Amino acid sequence: SFVSNAILYWNTIKINDVVEQLRQQGENIDDETLSHISLLPYKHVLPNGTYFIEDEGKG
């Protein structure tokens, strides 16, 4: 759970850095559009800390 939260935090900071960099270059990025971005649907992040591992020995 701690690692998942750390990954979410890191990714959020990186997205913010990219958005700020694009805005400094003159890109128009609407805050309303950004409000629809969520990092939670990505499969590499498990917010509840539960991992499912298939046992290949069971058939």
N, C-alpha and C. Protein backbone atom coordinates (compact mmCIF):
# COMPACT_ATOMS: atom_id res chain seq x y z
N SER A 1 0.83 -1.19 0.00
CA SER A 1 0.00 0.00 0.00
C SER A 1 0.88 1.26 0.00
N PHE A 2 1.94 1.24 0.80
CA PHE A 2 2.84 2.38 0.84
C PHE A 2 3.50 2.60 -0.52
N VAL A 3 3.96 1.51 -1.12
CA VAL A 3 4.62 1.62 -2.43
C VAL A 3 3.65 2.12 -3.49
N SER A 4 2.42 1.61 -3.47
CA SER A 4 1.41 2.06 -4.43
C SER A 4 1.15 3.55 -4.30
N ASN A 5 1.03 4.01 -3.07
CA ASN A 5 0.81 5.44 -2.83
C ASN A 5 2.01 6.27 -3.28
N ALA A 6 3.21 5.75 -3.07
CA ALA A 6 4.41 6.46 -3.50
C ALA A 6 4.45 6.57 -5.03
N ILE A 7 4.06 5.51 -5.72
CA ILE A 7 4.02 5.54 -7.18
C ILE A 7 2.99 6.56 -7.67
N LEU A 8 1.81 6.54 -7.06
CA LEU A 8 0.78 7.51 -7.44
C LEU A 8 1.27 8.94 -7.22
N TYR A 9 1.91 9.19 -6.10
CA TYR A 9 2.44 10.52 -5.79
C TYR A 9 3.49 10.93 -6.82
N TRP A 10 4.43 10.04 -7.10
CA TRP A 10 5.50 10.32 -8.07
C TRP A 10 4.93 10.63 -9.46
N ASN A 11 3.98 9.80 -9.91
CA ASN A 11 3.37 10.01 -11.22
C ASN A 11 2.61 11.33 -11.27
N THR A 12 1.94 11.69 -10.19
CA THR A 12 1.21 12.96 -10.14
C THR A 12 2.17 14.13 -10.25
N ILE A 13 3.28 14.07 -9.54
CA ILE A 13 4.29 15.13 -9.60
C ILE A 13 4.85 15.24 -11.02
N LYS A 14 5.12 14.11 -11.65
CA LYS A 14 5.68 14.12 -13.01
C LYS A 14 4.68 14.69 -14.02
N ILE A 15 3.42 14.33 -13.90
CA ILE A 15 2.40 14.89 -14.80
C ILE A 15 2.32 16.40 -14.61
N ASN A 16 2.36 16.85 -13.36
CA ASN A 16 2.33 18.28 -13.09
C ASN A 16 3.53 18.98 -13.73
N ASP A 17 4.71 18.39 -13.64
CA ASP A 17 5.91 18.97 -14.25
C ASP A 17 5.75 19.10 -15.76
N VAL A 18 5.22 18.06 -16.40
CA VAL A 18 5.03 18.08 -17.85
C VAL A 18 4.02 19.16 -18.25
N VAL A 19 2.92 19.24 -17.52
CA VAL A 19 1.89 20.23 -17.82
C VAL A 19 2.46 21.65 -17.67
N GLU A 20 3.19 21.90 -16.61
CA GLU A 20 3.79 23.22 -16.40
C GLU A 20 4.80 23.55 -17.50
N GLN A 21 5.57 22.57 -17.91
CA GLN A 21 6.54 22.77 -18.98
C GLN A 21 5.83 23.12 -20.30
N LEU A 22 4.76 22.42 -20.61
CA LEU A 22 4.00 22.70 -21.83
C LEU A 22 3.37 24.08 -21.77
N ARG A 23 2.86 24.47 -20.61
CA ARG A 23 2.27 25.80 -20.47
C ARG A 23 3.32 26.90 -20.65
N GLN A 24 4.52 26.67 -20.16
CA GLN A 24 5.60 27.64 -20.33
C GLN A 24 5.98 27.78 -21.80
N GLN A 25 5.76 26.72 -22.59
CA GLN A 25 6.06 26.76 -24.02
C GLN A 25 4.91 27.34 -24.82
N GLY A 26 3.85 27.77 -24.13
CA GLY A 26 2.74 28.42 -24.80
C GLY A 26 1.55 27.53 -25.10
N GLU A 27 1.60 26.28 -24.68
CA GLU A 27 0.47 25.38 -24.91
C GLU A 27 -0.70 25.77 -24.01
N ASN A 28 -1.91 25.70 -24.54
CA ASN A 28 -3.10 26.00 -23.77
C ASN A 28 -3.67 24.69 -23.24
N ILE A 29 -3.51 24.45 -21.95
CA ILE A 29 -4.00 23.23 -21.32
C ILE A 29 -5.03 23.64 -20.29
N ASP A 30 -6.26 23.29 -20.55
CA ASP A 30 -7.39 23.69 -19.71
C ASP A 30 -7.42 22.86 -18.43
N ASP A 31 -7.64 23.53 -17.31
CA ASP A 31 -7.74 22.82 -16.02
C ASP A 31 -8.92 21.85 -16.01
N GLU A 32 -9.98 22.17 -16.72
CA GLU A 32 -11.15 21.28 -16.80
C GLU A 32 -10.75 19.95 -17.45
N THR A 33 -9.93 20.01 -18.47
CA THR A 33 -9.46 18.79 -19.13
C THR A 33 -8.61 17.97 -18.16
N LEU A 34 -7.74 18.63 -17.42
CA LEU A 34 -6.88 17.92 -16.47
C LEU A 34 -7.67 17.26 -15.35
N SER A 35 -8.83 17.81 -15.04
CA SER A 35 -9.63 17.24 -13.95
C SER A 35 -10.15 15.84 -14.30
N HIS A 36 -10.07 15.45 -15.57
CA HIS A 36 -10.53 14.13 -16.00
C HIS A 36 -9.42 13.09 -16.03
N ILE A 37 -8.22 13.49 -15.69
CA ILE A 37 -7.08 12.56 -15.69
C ILE A 37 -7.01 11.87 -14.34
N SER A 38 -6.93 10.57 -14.37
CA SER A 38 -6.78 9.80 -13.14
C SER A 38 -5.71 8.74 -13.36
N LEU A 39 -4.85 8.59 -12.38
CA LEU A 39 -3.80 7.58 -12.47
C LEU A 39 -4.25 6.21 -11.97
N LEU A 40 -5.38 6.14 -11.31
CA LEU A 40 -5.79 4.89 -10.68
C LEU A 40 -6.13 3.75 -11.64
N PRO A 41 -6.62 4.00 -12.86
CA PRO A 41 -6.98 2.86 -13.71
C PRO A 41 -5.80 2.05 -14.23
N TYR A 42 -4.60 2.53 -14.07
CA TYR A 42 -3.47 1.82 -14.65
C TYR A 42 -3.19 0.54 -13.90
N LYS A 43 -2.93 -0.53 -14.65
CA LYS A 43 -2.77 -1.85 -14.06
C LYS A 43 -1.52 -1.98 -13.19
N HIS A 44 -0.49 -1.17 -13.43
CA HIS A 44 0.73 -1.33 -12.66
C HIS A 44 0.61 -0.75 -11.25
N VAL A 45 -0.49 -0.06 -10.96
CA VAL A 45 -0.71 0.50 -9.64
C VAL A 45 -1.88 -0.23 -8.99
N LEU A 46 -1.64 -0.78 -7.83
CA LEU A 46 -2.68 -1.49 -7.09
C LEU A 46 -2.94 -0.73 -5.79
N PRO A 47 -3.92 0.19 -5.80
CA PRO A 47 -4.11 1.06 -4.65
C PRO A 47 -4.45 0.36 -3.34
N ASN A 48 -5.01 -0.84 -3.40
CA ASN A 48 -5.33 -1.53 -2.15
C ASN A 48 -4.22 -2.45 -1.67
N GLY A 49 -3.15 -2.55 -2.43
CA GLY A 49 -2.00 -3.34 -2.02
C GLY A 49 -2.19 -4.84 -2.18
N THR A 50 -3.22 -5.30 -2.89
CA THR A 50 -3.47 -6.72 -3.07
C THR A 50 -2.89 -7.18 -4.41
N TYR A 51 -2.13 -8.23 -4.37
CA TYR A 51 -1.54 -8.78 -5.57
C TYR A 51 -2.10 -10.18 -5.81
N PHE A 52 -2.41 -10.50 -7.04
CA PHE A 52 -2.92 -11.81 -7.40
C PHE A 52 -1.87 -12.52 -8.24
N ILE A 53 -1.40 -13.64 -7.73
CA ILE A 53 -0.35 -14.40 -8.40
C ILE A 53 -0.92 -15.77 -8.73
N GLU A 54 -0.87 -16.10 -10.03
CA GLU A 54 -1.38 -17.40 -10.46
C GLU A 54 -0.34 -18.48 -10.17
N ASP A 55 -0.82 -19.57 -9.62
CA ASP A 55 0.03 -20.71 -9.33
C ASP A 55 0.03 -21.62 -10.55
N GLU A 56 1.16 -21.67 -11.27
CA GLU A 56 1.22 -22.47 -12.49
C GLU A 56 1.18 -23.96 -12.21
N GLY A 57 1.43 -24.36 -10.97
CA GLY A 57 1.39 -25.77 -10.61
C GLY A 57 -0.02 -26.33 -10.53
N LYS A 58 -0.98 -25.46 -10.36
CA LYS A 58 -2.39 -25.90 -10.30
C LYS A 58 -2.98 -25.83 -11.69
N GLY A 59 -3.61 -26.85 -12.12
CA GLY A 59 -4.01 -26.87 -13.47
C GLY A 59 -5.39 -26.90 -13.79
